[in-house]
Amino acid sequence: MTLQSLFYYKTVKYVVAQNKKVGVLYRIFQLTVIGYLIGWVFVVKKGYQAIDETIESSVVTKVKGVALTNTTGTGAHLWGPEDYVIPQQGEHVLFITTNFIETPNQKLDTCSESPNLLDAVCSKNEDCTQGEAVLTGNGIKTGICLKKERNSTGICEIYGWCPIENSQRPKVPLLGKAENFTLYIKNFIRFSKFNFSKSNVLETNNETYLKSCLYDTIHHPYCPIFLLGDVVRKAGHNFQDIAVLGGSVGILIEWRCDLDKGYSKCHPQYSFTSLDTSTTPSSVTAGYNFRYARYFKNAAGEVHRNLYKVFGIHVDIIVYGTAGKFNIIPTVVNIGSGLALMGAGVFICDMVLLYLMKQSTLYRKKKFEKVNRTDIKSEDPKVKLSQQAVLLSDR
């Protein structure tokens, strides 16, 4: 019997069950599926559109503003963008100097290493192996231990850029006025799937527009000029605090383009975030800094340099987004998925009707009916004629 059942075929039999509870349950399920399909899939998620998530982007940046500093090393110095912006050519990642430690007029010579380095502490010349670099130090040991009077310990002499680097950091940012610097961000994007391109700069013939505008969500959404202080504050920092040790902020440009609404409805959305892993000034990982040097020759032709340890705002511009446009294929697929989901309602109602209702046995008998071979033969016209003939003969 089990083997024969493999060759049986089951077909659908429709039974109208006059049960209000199951009927209401089925209609609620249908309305829920229709609401989900229309409201969530098509209205919210725009399931009728083809989506392009591969955005091609180009970013050009430019910083403007000047600041005056007056240090004991080099005196008064006017800082322009060519001084405080690194790299100067303008990319999606840039650094803006807000504070610095200057070690002026260094030259290659012999001098005492920093006393703060354990590898530079000595008590005799043998502790300063000649030709060996000081660990995390400033030069090469000469083999001489420089001792102070009435002191049993000393500091190794090195050959390097002397005098060694100054380590006294200013407690207030020397370029505190940098919060008034302006940051110009020009962003070009393209969605190749739809051959769609756009820029975040307002398309206008007014040559003075970019010279006078500042970004505003409502009044100037297409002005790509930001105050550096505003960027830092919107990222959650106080500018004067972060300017001392430096920090990292991100400018996120999001493009959500519904191309069915037209070119003018595709707008850039800006947001700002802190990219620092540590926000406490006392942490050894707090801040953002690096060193660079400016080399020159004196009147005697000797090479000298000014060493700078600079602190500042590291700006990372991140562009992302998607574009969507009507396409028949995702529309048909989502409608088909909704219709298939309707079938789940039939299955659930069948389970309730056949196994959870009081009269489930009756419903099962009405829904499932087995048709035997003898029943099929009895429906054969020839069989019926022979049966009628038997009945007549019996009379």
Protein backbone atom coordinates (compact mmCIF):
# COMPACT_ATOMS: atom_id res chain seq x y z
CA MET A 1 0.00 0.00 0.00
CA THR A 2 2.81 2.39 0.83
CA LEU A 3 4.53 1.77 -2.49
CA GLN A 4 1.29 2.30 -4.40
CA SER A 5 0.76 5.67 -2.68
CA LEU A 6 3.79 7.01 -4.52
CA PHE A 7 1.72 6.88 -7.70
CA TYR A 8 -1.32 8.65 -6.23
CA TYR A 9 -2.09 12.23 -7.19
CA LYS A 10 -3.62 14.83 -4.89
CA THR A 11 -5.72 17.67 -6.28
CA VAL A 12 -7.26 20.67 -4.53
CA LYS A 13 -10.80 20.40 -3.33
CA TYR A 14 -12.55 23.62 -2.36
CA VAL A 15 -14.82 23.44 0.65
CA VAL A 16 -16.85 26.47 1.71
CA ALA A 17 -16.72 26.50 5.51
CA GLN A 18 -19.36 28.79 6.96
CA ASN A 19 -17.25 29.69 10.01
CA LYS A 20 -17.11 33.39 10.89
CA LYS A 21 -14.05 33.12 13.13
CA VAL A 22 -11.89 31.51 10.45
CA GLY A 23 -13.33 33.84 7.83
CA VAL A 24 -12.41 36.94 9.85
CA LEU A 25 -8.92 35.50 10.50
CA TYR A 26 -8.37 34.95 6.78
CA ARG A 27 -9.51 38.48 5.83
CA ILE A 28 -7.27 40.03 8.51
CA PHE A 29 -4.31 38.09 7.17
CA GLN A 30 -5.10 39.21 3.61
CA LEU A 31 -5.35 42.87 4.65
CA THR A 32 -2.09 42.58 6.59
CA VAL A 33 -0.26 41.18 3.57
CA ILE A 34 -1.73 43.85 1.27
CA GLY A 35 -0.79 46.60 3.75
CA TYR A 36 2.75 45.23 4.06
CA LEU A 37 3.11 44.96 0.27
CA ILE A 38 1.82 48.45 -0.47
CA GLY A 39 2.98 50.37 2.59
CA TRP A 40 6.36 48.83 3.40
CA VAL A 41 7.58 47.17 0.19
CA PHE A 42 6.43 49.76 -2.35
CA VAL A 43 6.04 53.06 -0.43
CA VAL A 44 8.82 52.85 2.18
CA LYS A 45 11.36 50.53 0.51
CA LYS A 46 10.40 51.46 -3.08
CA GLY A 47 10.35 47.84 -4.15
CA TYR A 48 9.31 48.86 -7.65
CA GLN A 49 12.77 50.34 -8.32
CA ALA A 50 16.08 48.94 -9.48
CA ILE A 51 18.82 50.08 -7.06
CA ASP A 52 22.42 51.12 -7.78
CA GLU A 53 24.56 51.08 -4.62
CA THR A 54 27.89 51.56 -6.43
CA ILE A 55 28.60 55.28 -6.22
CA GLU A 56 31.56 56.76 -8.11
CA SER A 57 32.85 59.79 -6.26
CA SER A 58 35.50 62.48 -6.54
CA VAL A 59 36.30 64.98 -3.75
CA VAL A 60 38.28 68.22 -4.02
CA THR A 61 38.94 70.32 -0.91
CA LYS A 62 40.28 73.79 -0.25
CA VAL A 63 40.86 75.61 3.06
CA LYS A 64 41.05 79.40 3.45
CA GLY A 65 42.00 81.61 6.39
CA VAL A 66 45.09 83.11 8.04
CA ALA A 67 46.42 83.09 11.60
CA LEU A 68 49.28 84.95 13.29
CA THR A 69 51.60 83.28 15.83
CA ASN A 70 54.50 84.71 17.82
CA THR A 71 56.90 82.14 19.33
CA THR A 72 60.31 82.51 20.96
CA GLY A 73 61.87 80.33 18.27
CA THR A 74 60.99 82.14 15.05
CA GLY A 75 59.08 85.15 16.30
CA ALA A 76 56.00 86.44 14.48
CA HIS A 77 54.79 84.20 11.67
CA LEU A 78 51.69 84.49 9.48
CA TRP A 79 50.19 81.08 8.74
CA GLY A 80 48.35 80.62 5.46
CA PRO A 81 46.75 77.51 3.89
CA GLU A 82 50.08 76.59 2.31
CA ASP A 83 51.52 76.35 5.85
CA TYR A 84 48.85 74.64 7.93
CA VAL A 85 47.06 72.38 5.40
CA ILE A 86 48.58 68.95 4.67
CA PRO A 87 48.47 67.78 1.89
CA GLN A 88 48.22 71.06 0.08
CA GLN A 89 46.70 69.75 -3.18
CA GLY A 90 43.29 69.08 -1.58
CA GLU A 91 41.99 65.53 -1.18
CA HIS A 92 39.21 63.70 0.67
CA VAL A 93 41.58 63.35 3.65
CA LEU A 94 43.37 66.43 4.96
CA PHE A 95 45.03 67.79 8.10
CA ILE A 96 44.65 71.33 9.44
CA THR A 97 47.23 72.50 12.00
CA THR A 98 45.87 74.06 15.19
CA ASN A 99 48.85 73.79 17.57
CA PHE A 100 52.55 73.02 17.30
CA ILE A 101 55.86 72.57 19.14
CA GLU A 102 58.77 74.22 17.35
CA THR A 103 62.44 73.31 17.65
CA PRO A 104 64.25 75.98 15.60
CA ASN A 105 67.69 76.09 14.04
CA GLN A 106 68.75 72.45 14.38
CA LYS A 107 71.93 71.20 12.73
CA LEU A 108 73.79 67.88 12.56
CA ASP A 109 76.10 67.90 15.57
CA THR A 110 76.81 66.18 18.90
CA CYS A 111 74.72 66.94 21.97
CA SER A 112 73.15 65.34 25.01
CA GLU A 113 70.21 62.99 24.49
CA SER A 114 66.90 63.56 26.31
CA PRO A 115 67.09 62.60 30.02
CA ASN A 116 63.55 61.20 29.81
CA LEU A 117 64.72 58.16 27.79
CA LEU A 118 65.81 55.15 29.82
CA ASP A 119 68.09 53.94 27.04
CA ALA A 120 70.05 57.21 27.26
CA VAL A 121 70.83 57.05 31.01
CA CYS A 122 74.42 56.00 31.78
CA SER A 123 77.01 55.83 34.55
CA LYS A 124 80.11 55.21 32.39
CA ASN A 125 81.16 55.43 28.76
CA GLU A 126 80.67 51.70 28.23
CA ASP A 127 76.94 52.19 28.78
CA CYS A 128 76.82 54.30 25.60
CA THR A 129 77.83 51.85 22.88
CA GLN A 130 79.27 53.83 19.99
CA GLY A 131 77.20 53.64 16.79
CA GLU A 132 74.10 52.32 18.53
CA ALA A 133 70.84 54.23 18.10
CA VAL A 134 69.02 55.37 21.21
CA LEU A 135 65.76 53.47 21.53
CA THR A 136 62.93 55.94 20.60
CA GLY A 137 65.61 58.62 20.73
CA ASN A 138 66.99 61.40 18.54
CA GLY A 139 70.33 60.12 17.30
CA ILE A 140 73.29 57.72 17.39
CA LYS A 141 75.41 57.20 20.53
CA THR A 142 78.97 58.48 20.32
CA GLY A 143 80.35 56.32 23.17
CA ILE A 144 80.61 59.21 25.63
CA CYS A 145 78.64 59.45 28.88
CA LEU A 146 78.05 63.08 29.81
CA LYS A 147 77.92 63.40 33.59
CA LYS A 148 76.80 66.35 35.60
CA GLU A 149 78.89 67.53 38.55
CA ARG A 150 78.29 65.68 41.84
CA ASN A 151 76.07 63.14 40.07
CA SER A 152 76.86 59.45 39.57
CA THR A 153 74.55 59.11 36.57
CA GLY A 154 74.69 60.89 33.26
CA ILE A 155 73.19 61.05 29.76
CA CYS A 156 74.66 59.56 26.60
CA GLU A 157 76.01 61.92 24.00
CA ILE A 158 74.49 61.48 20.53
CA TYR A 159 75.16 62.54 16.98
CA GLY A 160 71.98 63.91 15.43
CA TRP A 161 69.95 67.03 14.86
CA CYS A 162 70.91 69.27 17.74
CA PRO A 163 69.56 70.72 19.94
CA ILE A 164 67.17 67.82 20.47
CA GLU A 165 63.43 68.24 20.02
CA ASN A 166 61.60 70.59 22.35
CA SER A 167 58.86 68.74 24.28
CA GLN A 168 57.02 71.63 25.95
CA ARG A 169 53.57 71.75 24.37
CA PRO A 170 51.54 74.99 24.61
CA LYS A 171 48.51 74.62 26.86
CA VAL A 172 46.37 76.75 24.54
CA PRO A 173 46.29 76.25 20.74
CA LEU A 174 48.64 78.63 18.95
CA LEU A 175 46.30 78.59 15.95
CA GLY A 176 43.10 78.90 17.95
CA LYS A 177 41.67 81.21 15.29
CA ALA A 178 41.51 78.18 12.98
CA GLU A 179 37.87 77.69 14.00
CA ASN A 180 37.08 80.57 11.62
CA PHE A 181 38.84 78.89 8.68
CA THR A 182 36.53 77.88 5.85
CA LEU A 183 36.55 74.40 4.31
CA TYR A 184 35.39 74.11 0.70
CA ILE A 185 34.29 70.60 -0.35
CA LYS A 186 33.49 69.95 -4.00
CA ASN A 187 32.01 66.50 -4.58
CA PHE A 188 31.15 64.89 -7.92
CA ILE A 189 29.14 61.64 -7.92
CA ARG A 190 27.98 59.24 -10.62
CA PHE A 191 25.70 56.20 -10.71
CA SER A 192 26.88 54.33 -13.78
CA LYS A 193 23.89 51.96 -13.84
CA PHE A 194 21.58 54.88 -14.68
CA ASN A 195 24.23 57.12 -16.30
CA PHE A 196 23.41 59.79 -13.70
CA SER A 197 25.90 62.43 -12.51
CA LYS A 198 25.65 65.38 -10.15
CA SER A 199 27.67 67.75 -7.98
CA ASN A 200 27.08 69.18 -4.52
CA VAL A 201 27.79 72.71 -5.81
CA LEU A 202 24.90 74.93 -6.85
CA GLU A 203 24.72 75.38 -10.60
CA THR A 204 24.55 79.16 -10.95
CA ASN A 205 26.01 81.94 -13.06
CA ASN A 206 26.40 84.17 -9.99
CA GLU A 207 30.19 84.42 -9.56
CA THR A 208 29.88 85.91 -6.08
CA TYR A 209 27.72 83.10 -4.65
CA LEU A 210 30.59 80.89 -3.45
CA LYS A 211 32.44 83.89 -2.06
CA SER A 212 29.66 84.85 0.34
CA CYS A 213 27.67 81.72 1.23
CA LEU A 214 28.04 79.25 4.10
CA TYR A 215 26.35 75.86 4.23
CA ASP A 216 22.88 75.86 5.74
CA THR A 217 20.47 72.92 5.62
CA ILE A 218 17.50 75.12 4.71
CA HIS A 219 18.78 78.27 3.00
CA HIS A 220 22.02 77.08 1.34
CA PRO A 221 21.94 73.27 0.95
CA TYR A 222 24.11 73.51 -2.17
CA CYS A 223 26.77 75.77 -0.66
CA PRO A 224 29.80 73.49 -0.10
CA ILE A 225 31.61 75.87 2.29
CA PHE A 226 31.80 75.06 6.02
CA LEU A 227 33.34 76.80 9.03
CA LEU A 228 35.90 74.46 10.59
CA GLY A 229 34.61 75.35 14.06
CA ASP A 230 31.06 74.37 13.08
CA VAL A 231 32.26 71.04 11.70
CA VAL A 232 34.07 70.21 14.96
CA ARG A 233 31.14 71.28 17.12
CA LYS A 234 28.64 69.24 15.10
CA ALA A 235 30.97 66.25 15.54
CA GLY A 236 30.54 66.63 19.32
CA HIS A 237 33.72 68.51 20.33
CA ASN A 238 34.63 71.91 21.73
CA PHE A 239 37.01 73.38 19.17
CA GLN A 240 39.43 75.06 21.60
CA ASP A 241 39.75 71.83 23.60
CA ILE A 242 40.38 69.52 20.67
CA ALA A 243 42.73 72.04 19.04
CA VAL A 244 45.35 71.59 21.78
CA LEU A 245 46.06 67.90 21.15
CA GLY A 246 44.28 67.49 17.83
CA GLY A 247 41.65 65.00 16.82
CA SER A 248 39.89 63.29 13.96
CA VAL A 249 36.45 64.12 12.57
CA GLY A 250 34.46 62.70 9.70
CA ILE A 251 32.26 64.56 7.23
CA LEU A 252 29.72 62.16 5.72
CA ILE A 253 28.03 63.05 2.44
CA GLU A 254 25.03 60.84 1.71
CA TRP A 255 23.27 60.75 -1.66
CA ARG A 256 19.79 59.15 -1.66
CA CYS A 257 18.51 59.70 -5.18
CA ASP A 258 14.98 58.81 -6.32
CA LEU A 259 15.47 59.26 -10.05
CA ASP A 260 11.74 58.83 -10.70
CA LYS A 261 11.24 62.27 -9.13
CA GLY A 262 13.78 63.99 -11.38
CA TYR A 263 17.29 65.46 -11.33
CA SER A 264 16.46 68.31 -8.94
CA LYS A 265 15.25 65.94 -6.19
CA CYS A 266 18.64 64.31 -5.68
CA HIS A 267 20.27 66.20 -2.79
CA PRO A 268 23.43 65.65 -0.72
CA GLN A 269 22.87 65.15 3.01
CA TYR A 270 25.73 66.10 5.37
CA SER A 271 26.44 64.67 8.79
CA PHE A 272 29.43 64.99 11.11
CA THR A 273 30.97 62.48 13.48
CA SER A 274 34.00 62.03 15.72
CA LEU A 275 36.49 59.39 14.55
CA ASP A 276 38.62 59.47 17.71
CA THR A 277 38.94 56.24 19.66
CA SER A 278 39.78 58.20 22.81
CA THR A 279 38.16 61.46 23.87
CA THR A 280 39.87 61.98 27.27
CA PRO A 281 42.85 64.39 27.14
CA SER A 282 44.74 62.37 29.77
CA SER A 283 44.82 59.27 27.57
CA VAL A 284 48.15 58.49 25.91
CA THR A 285 46.30 57.82 22.65
CA ALA A 286 44.37 61.10 22.68
CA GLY A 287 44.90 63.61 19.90
CA TYR A 288 46.42 63.60 16.44
CA ASN A 289 49.98 64.76 15.70
CA PHE A 290 53.04 64.18 13.54
CA ARG A 291 56.36 65.86 12.72
CA TYR A 292 57.85 67.55 9.71
CA ALA A 293 60.88 69.80 9.10
CA ARG A 294 61.76 72.81 6.97
CA TYR A 295 65.36 72.84 5.78
CA PHE A 296 67.52 75.85 4.92
CA LYS A 297 71.17 76.90 4.64
CA ASN A 298 72.83 79.62 6.67
CA ALA A 299 75.28 82.18 5.35
CA ALA A 300 78.15 79.68 5.71
CA GLY A 301 76.30 77.11 3.62
CA GLU A 302 75.53 74.79 6.56
CA VAL A 303 72.26 72.89 6.43
CA HIS A 304 69.87 73.73 9.25
CA ARG A 305 66.23 72.92 9.87
CA ASN A 306 63.25 73.96 11.94
CA LEU A 307 61.45 70.94 13.37
CA TYR A 308 57.70 71.09 13.97
CA LYS A 309 55.55 68.68 15.93
CA VAL A 310 52.08 69.70 14.80
CA PHE A 311 48.69 68.98 16.35
CA GLY A 312 45.48 69.53 14.49
CA ILE A 313 42.19 68.40 13.01
CA HIS A 314 42.32 65.35 10.78
CA VAL A 315 39.32 65.56 8.42
CA ASP A 316 38.09 62.47 6.59
CA ILE A 317 35.36 63.03 3.96
CA ILE A 318 33.27 59.90 3.35
CA VAL A 319 30.83 59.75 0.41
CA TYR A 320 28.17 57.04 0.07
CA GLY A 321 24.65 56.60 -1.25
CA THR A 322 22.21 54.81 -3.53
CA ALA A 323 20.06 55.65 -6.52
CA GLY A 324 16.78 54.03 -7.54
CA LYS A 325 14.61 54.05 -10.67
CA PHE A 326 11.45 52.21 -11.73
CA ASN A 327 12.04 48.78 -13.25
CA ILE A 328 9.45 46.16 -14.17
CA ILE A 329 11.53 43.21 -12.94
CA PRO A 330 11.70 44.06 -9.19
CA THR A 331 8.06 45.19 -9.38
CA VAL A 332 6.88 41.81 -10.70
CA VAL A 333 9.12 39.93 -8.25
CA ASN A 334 7.74 41.79 -5.23
CA ILE A 335 4.13 41.39 -6.37
CA GLY A 336 4.76 37.67 -6.88
CA SER A 337 6.25 37.44 -3.39
CA GLY A 338 3.15 39.13 -1.96
CA LEU A 339 0.82 36.71 -3.75
CA ALA A 340 2.89 33.78 -2.50
CA LEU A 341 2.58 35.17 1.02
CA MET A 342 -1.20 35.10 0.58
CA GLY A 343 -0.93 31.31 0.31
CA ALA A 344 0.46 31.22 3.82
CA GLY A 345 -2.87 32.61 5.04
CA VAL A 346 -4.71 29.72 3.42
CA PHE A 347 -2.37 27.25 5.12
CA ILE A 348 -2.80 28.86 8.55
CA CYS A 349 -6.60 28.96 8.27
CA ASP A 350 -6.64 25.32 7.13
CA MET A 351 -4.65 24.31 10.19
CA VAL A 352 -7.08 26.16 12.47
CA LEU A 353 -10.10 24.72 10.72
CA LEU A 354 -8.88 21.13 10.52
CA TYR A 355 -7.14 20.73 13.89
CA LEU A 356 -8.19 23.47 16.30
CA MET A 357 -11.94 23.79 15.82
CA LYS A 358 -14.51 21.68 17.68
CA GLN A 359 -15.93 20.22 14.46
CA SER A 360 -12.49 19.60 12.94
CA THR A 361 -13.32 15.91 12.21
CA LEU A 362 -16.27 16.92 10.07
CA TYR A 363 -14.19 19.50 8.18
CA ARG A 364 -11.48 16.93 7.52
CA LYS A 365 -14.02 14.49 6.06
CA LYS A 366 -15.37 17.19 3.76
CA LYS A 367 -11.95 18.40 2.65
CA PHE A 368 -10.22 15.07 2.06
CA GLU A 369 -12.01 12.53 -0.13
CA LYS A 370 -10.50 9.32 -1.48
CA VAL A 371 -11.56 8.21 -4.97
CA ASN A 372 -11.14 4.44 -5.53
CA ARG A 373 -10.83 2.65 -8.84
CA THR A 374 -14.26 1.01 -8.32
CA ASP A 375 -15.79 4.47 -7.96
CA ILE A 376 -14.26 5.47 -11.29
CA LYS A 377 -15.61 2.35 -13.00
CA SER A 378 -19.06 2.95 -11.59
CA GLU A 379 -19.00 6.32 -13.31
CA ASP A 380 -18.13 4.69 -16.68
CA PRO A 381 -21.14 4.96 -19.12
CA LYS A 382 -20.73 1.33 -20.26
CA VAL A 383 -20.79 0.12 -16.68
CA LYS A 384 -23.92 2.14 -16.01
CA LEU A 385 -25.70 0.63 -19.07
CA SER A 386 -24.85 -2.91 -17.97
CA GLN A 387 -26.11 -2.19 -14.48
CA GLN A 388 -29.37 -0.82 -15.88
CA ALA A 389 -29.79 -3.93 -18.05
CA VAL A 390 -29.39 -6.16 -15.01
CA LEU A 391 -32.04 -4.20 -13.20
CA LEU A 392 -34.48 -4.54 -16.13
CA SER A 393 -33.94 -8.28 -16.36
CA ASP A 394 -34.61 -8.59 -12.66
CA ARG A 395 -38.00 -7.04 -13.20
